[in-house]
Amino acid sequence: MEFRERHSWDVDPSQARALQEALAAEVDASTPLGPWETVAAADVSFNNTDSR
């Protein structure tokens, strides 16, 4: 799956809030989803100065 970069996240908090609101307006929640088979997620962080 390919993704295109739609925007930069190099913004201040007020710009980030406005961006989140604009993106939320693009979500189509009117069409019901079919049955789900698999759901997966990952939340990963990396700190270059931590030796752990």
C-alpha atoms as a PDB file:
ATOM      1  CA  MET A   1       0.000   0.000   0.000  1.00  0.00           C
ATOM      2  CA  GLU A   2       1.390   3.383  -0.935  1.00  0.00           C
ATOM      3  CA  PHE A   3       0.725   6.580   0.968  1.00  0.00           C
ATOM      4  CA  ARG A   4       1.189  10.099  -0.268  1.00  0.00           C
ATOM      5  CA  GLU A   5       2.299  12.852   2.079  1.00  0.00           C
ATOM      6  CA  ARG A   6      -0.671  15.180   2.416  1.00  0.00           C
ATOM      7  CA  HIS A   7       0.883  17.658   4.822  1.00  0.00           C
ATOM      8  CA  SER A   8       3.828  18.326   7.083  1.00  0.00           C
ATOM      9  CA  TRP A   9       3.515  17.714  10.816  1.00  0.00           C
ATOM     10  CA  ASP A  10       6.144  20.413  11.428  1.00  0.00           C
ATOM     11  CA  VAL A  11       3.507  22.764  12.878  1.00  0.00           C
ATOM     12  CA  ASP A  12       2.777  24.456  16.185  1.00  0.00           C
ATOM     13  CA  PRO A  13      -0.020  23.141  18.453  1.00  0.00           C
ATOM     14  CA  SER A  14      -2.701  25.515  17.138  1.00  0.00           C
ATOM     15  CA  GLN A  15      -1.870  24.614  13.532  1.00  0.00           C
ATOM     16  CA  ALA A  16      -1.908  20.906  14.465  1.00  0.00           C
ATOM     17  CA  ARG A  17      -5.380  21.307  15.984  1.00  0.00           C
ATOM     18  CA  ALA A  18      -6.649  23.038  12.825  1.00  0.00           C
ATOM     19  CA  LEU A  19      -5.090  20.302  10.681  1.00  0.00           C
ATOM     20  CA  GLN A  20      -6.734  17.565  12.779  1.00  0.00           C
ATOM     21  CA  GLU A  21     -10.121  19.279  12.432  1.00  0.00           C
ATOM     22  CA  ALA A  22      -9.682  19.592   8.654  1.00  0.00           C
ATOM     23  CA  LEU A  23      -8.710  15.922   8.347  1.00  0.00           C
ATOM     24  CA  ALA A  24     -11.616  14.836  10.578  1.00  0.00           C
ATOM     25  CA  ALA A  25     -14.012  16.589   8.208  1.00  0.00           C
ATOM     26  CA  GLU A  26     -12.819  14.250   5.429  1.00  0.00           C
ATOM     27  CA  VAL A  27     -13.799  11.060   7.295  1.00  0.00           C
ATOM     28  CA  ASP A  28     -16.832   9.295   5.819  1.00  0.00           C
ATOM     29  CA  ALA A  29     -18.639   7.649   8.723  1.00  0.00           C
ATOM     30  CA  SER A  30     -21.915   7.266   6.817  1.00  0.00           C
ATOM     31  CA  THR A  31     -21.064   3.971   5.098  1.00  0.00           C
ATOM     32  CA  PRO A  32     -21.261   0.899   7.362  1.00  0.00           C
ATOM     33  CA  LEU A  33     -18.150  -1.281   7.403  1.00  0.00           C
ATOM     34  CA  GLY A  34     -18.259  -4.957   6.566  1.00  0.00           C
ATOM     35  CA  PRO A  35     -17.170  -7.655   9.022  1.00  0.00           C
ATOM     36  CA  TRP A  36     -13.602  -7.337  10.317  1.00  0.00           C
ATOM     37  CA  GLU A  37     -11.153 -10.218  10.257  1.00  0.00           C
ATOM     38  CA  THR A  38      -7.974  -8.653  11.616  1.00  0.00           C
ATOM     39  CA  VAL A  39      -7.091  -5.426  13.394  1.00  0.00           C
ATOM     40  CA  ALA A  40      -3.476  -4.532  14.130  1.00  0.00           C
ATOM     41  CA  ALA A  41      -1.636  -1.497  15.438  1.00  0.00           C
ATOM     42  CA  ALA A  42       1.779  -0.430  16.644  1.00  0.00           C
ATOM     43  CA  ASP A  43       2.939   2.573  18.626  1.00  0.00           C
ATOM     44  CA  VAL A  44       6.715   2.814  18.400  1.00  0.00           C
ATOM     45  CA  SER A  45       9.150   5.361  19.790  1.00  0.00           C
ATOM     46  CA  PHE A  46      12.917   5.670  19.401  1.00  0.00           C
ATOM     47  CA  ASN A  47      15.255   7.773  21.535  1.00  0.00           C
ATOM     48  CA  ASN A  48      18.743   8.120  20.061  1.00  0.00           C
ATOM     49  CA  THR A  49      20.258   9.099  23.442  1.00  0.00           C
ATOM     50  CA  ASP A  50      18.842   6.210  25.516  1.00  0.00           C
ATOM     51  CA  SER A  51      20.960   3.030  25.640  1.00  0.00           C
ATOM     52  CA  ARG A  52      17.975   0.770  26.432  1.00  0.00           C
END
